[in-house]
Amino acid sequence: MGWLFSLVEELTEDEQRDCLYLECKVERAFYEAGKALQSLRDRRLYRSAHKILRNARIGLGLSVAILINLI
């Protein structure tokens, strides 16, 4: 199994730094998304979305249901 690891090219120092930076950005984005969802829930700001979700449930698909409610 050791041969498999020898086929993997190591990252340069610049690539390691970029990788860490980008992983932190992704982690932060998930955190921010979670906080936003929590606020939507806590403030019950989803109430107006019930029409969109109902239309999506009847088979229109979420993107079509959103467009219908924007028109």
C-alpha atoms as a PDB file:
ATOM      1  CA  MET A   1       0.000   0.000   0.000  1.00  0.00           C
ATOM      2  CA  GLY A   2       3.001   2.275   0.447  1.00  0.00           C
ATOM      3  CA  TRP A   3       3.401   2.614  -3.323  1.00  0.00           C
ATOM      4  CA  LEU A   4       0.044   4.379  -3.515  1.00  0.00           C
ATOM      5  CA  PHE A   5       1.252   7.175  -1.282  1.00  0.00           C
ATOM      6  CA  SER A   6       4.392   7.615  -3.345  1.00  0.00           C
ATOM      7  CA  LEU A   7       2.186   8.447  -6.358  1.00  0.00           C
ATOM      8  CA  VAL A   8       0.595  11.409  -4.589  1.00  0.00           C
ATOM      9  CA  GLU A   9       2.436  14.635  -5.297  1.00  0.00           C
ATOM     10  CA  GLU A  10       3.173  16.705  -2.208  1.00  0.00           C
ATOM     11  CA  LEU A  11       1.931  20.281  -2.062  1.00  0.00           C
ATOM     12  CA  THR A  12       4.409  23.115  -2.219  1.00  0.00           C
ATOM     13  CA  GLU A  13       4.531  25.556   0.687  1.00  0.00           C
ATOM     14  CA  ASP A  14       2.520  28.069  -1.348  1.00  0.00           C
ATOM     15  CA  GLU A  15      -0.076  25.414  -2.166  1.00  0.00           C
ATOM     16  CA  GLN A  16      -0.279  24.337   1.482  1.00  0.00           C
ATOM     17  CA  ARG A  17      -0.844  27.963   2.528  1.00  0.00           C
ATOM     18  CA  ASP A  18      -3.502  28.450  -0.175  1.00  0.00           C
ATOM     19  CA  CYS A  19      -5.178  25.191   0.764  1.00  0.00           C
ATOM     20  CA  LEU A  20      -5.363  26.160   4.438  1.00  0.00           C
ATOM     21  CA  TYR A  21      -6.675  29.628   3.538  1.00  0.00           C
ATOM     22  CA  LEU A  22      -9.392  28.217   1.265  1.00  0.00           C
ATOM     23  CA  GLU A  23     -10.390  25.505   3.757  1.00  0.00           C
ATOM     24  CA  CYS A  24     -10.810  28.240   6.394  1.00  0.00           C
ATOM     25  CA  LYS A  25     -13.000  30.229   3.986  1.00  0.00           C
ATOM     26  CA  VAL A  26     -15.210  27.175   3.404  1.00  0.00           C
ATOM     27  CA  GLU A  27     -15.417  26.510   7.138  1.00  0.00           C
ATOM     28  CA  ARG A  28     -16.389  30.141   7.761  1.00  0.00           C
ATOM     29  CA  ALA A  29     -19.014  30.006   4.998  1.00  0.00           C
ATOM     30  CA  PHE A  30     -20.634  26.946   6.611  1.00  0.00           C
ATOM     31  CA  TYR A  31     -20.603  28.726   9.968  1.00  0.00           C
ATOM     32  CA  GLU A  32     -22.179  31.857   8.457  1.00  0.00           C
ATOM     33  CA  ALA A  33     -24.805  29.796   6.627  1.00  0.00           C
ATOM     34  CA  GLY A  34     -25.667  27.995   9.859  1.00  0.00           C
ATOM     35  CA  LYS A  35     -26.015  31.277  11.735  1.00  0.00           C
ATOM     36  CA  ALA A  36     -28.237  32.681   8.973  1.00  0.00           C
ATOM     37  CA  LEU A  37     -30.463  29.587   9.036  1.00  0.00           C
ATOM     38  CA  GLN A  38     -30.678  29.837  12.810  1.00  0.00           C
ATOM     39  CA  SER A  39     -31.792  33.477  12.561  1.00  0.00           C
ATOM     40  CA  LEU A  40     -34.374  32.608   9.904  1.00  0.00           C
ATOM     41  CA  ARG A  41     -35.742  29.920  12.192  1.00  0.00           C
ATOM     42  CA  ASP A  42     -35.623  31.928  15.412  1.00  0.00           C
ATOM     43  CA  ARG A  43     -37.294  34.972  13.844  1.00  0.00           C
ATOM     44  CA  ARG A  44     -39.688  32.781  11.825  1.00  0.00           C
ATOM     45  CA  LEU A  45     -38.743  34.668   8.674  1.00  0.00           C
ATOM     46  CA  TYR A  46     -39.557  31.591   6.620  1.00  0.00           C
ATOM     47  CA  ARG A  47     -43.299  32.235   6.935  1.00  0.00           C
ATOM     48  CA  SER A  48     -43.637  33.855   3.517  1.00  0.00           C
ATOM     49  CA  ALA A  49     -41.836  30.926   1.883  1.00  0.00           C
ATOM     50  CA  HIS A  50     -44.745  28.571   2.420  1.00  0.00           C
ATOM     51  CA  LYS A  51     -46.114  29.238  -1.105  1.00  0.00           C
ATOM     52  CA  ILE A  52     -42.749  28.446  -2.661  1.00  0.00           C
ATOM     53  CA  LEU A  53     -42.417  25.247  -0.684  1.00  0.00           C
ATOM     54  CA  ARG A  54     -46.009  24.205  -1.447  1.00  0.00           C
ATOM     55  CA  ASN A  55     -45.429  24.716  -5.186  1.00  0.00           C
ATOM     56  CA  ALA A  56     -42.178  22.783  -4.978  1.00  0.00           C
ATOM     57  CA  ARG A  57     -43.933  19.902  -3.194  1.00  0.00           C
ATOM     58  CA  ILE A  58     -46.555  19.562  -5.946  1.00  0.00           C
ATOM     59  CA  GLY A  59     -43.817  18.785  -8.417  1.00  0.00           C
ATOM     60  CA  LEU A  60     -42.869  22.100  -9.946  1.00  0.00           C
ATOM     61  CA  GLY A  61     -39.345  21.949  -8.636  1.00  0.00           C
ATOM     62  CA  LEU A  62     -37.883  24.504  -6.280  1.00  0.00           C
ATOM     63  CA  SER A  63     -36.369  26.801  -8.934  1.00  0.00           C
ATOM     64  CA  VAL A  64     -39.634  26.980 -10.902  1.00  0.00           C
ATOM     65  CA  ALA A  65     -41.627  27.501  -7.709  1.00  0.00           C
ATOM     66  CA  ILE A  66     -39.371  30.429  -6.764  1.00  0.00           C
ATOM     67  CA  LEU A  67     -39.748  31.980 -10.209  1.00  0.00           C
ATOM     68  CA  ILE A  68     -43.550  31.675 -10.065  1.00  0.00           C
ATOM     69  CA  ASN A  69     -43.602  33.511  -6.768  1.00  0.00           C
ATOM     70  CA  LEU A  70     -41.366  36.291  -8.082  1.00  0.00           C
ATOM     71  CA  ILE A  71     -43.679  37.100 -11.005  1.00  0.00           C
END
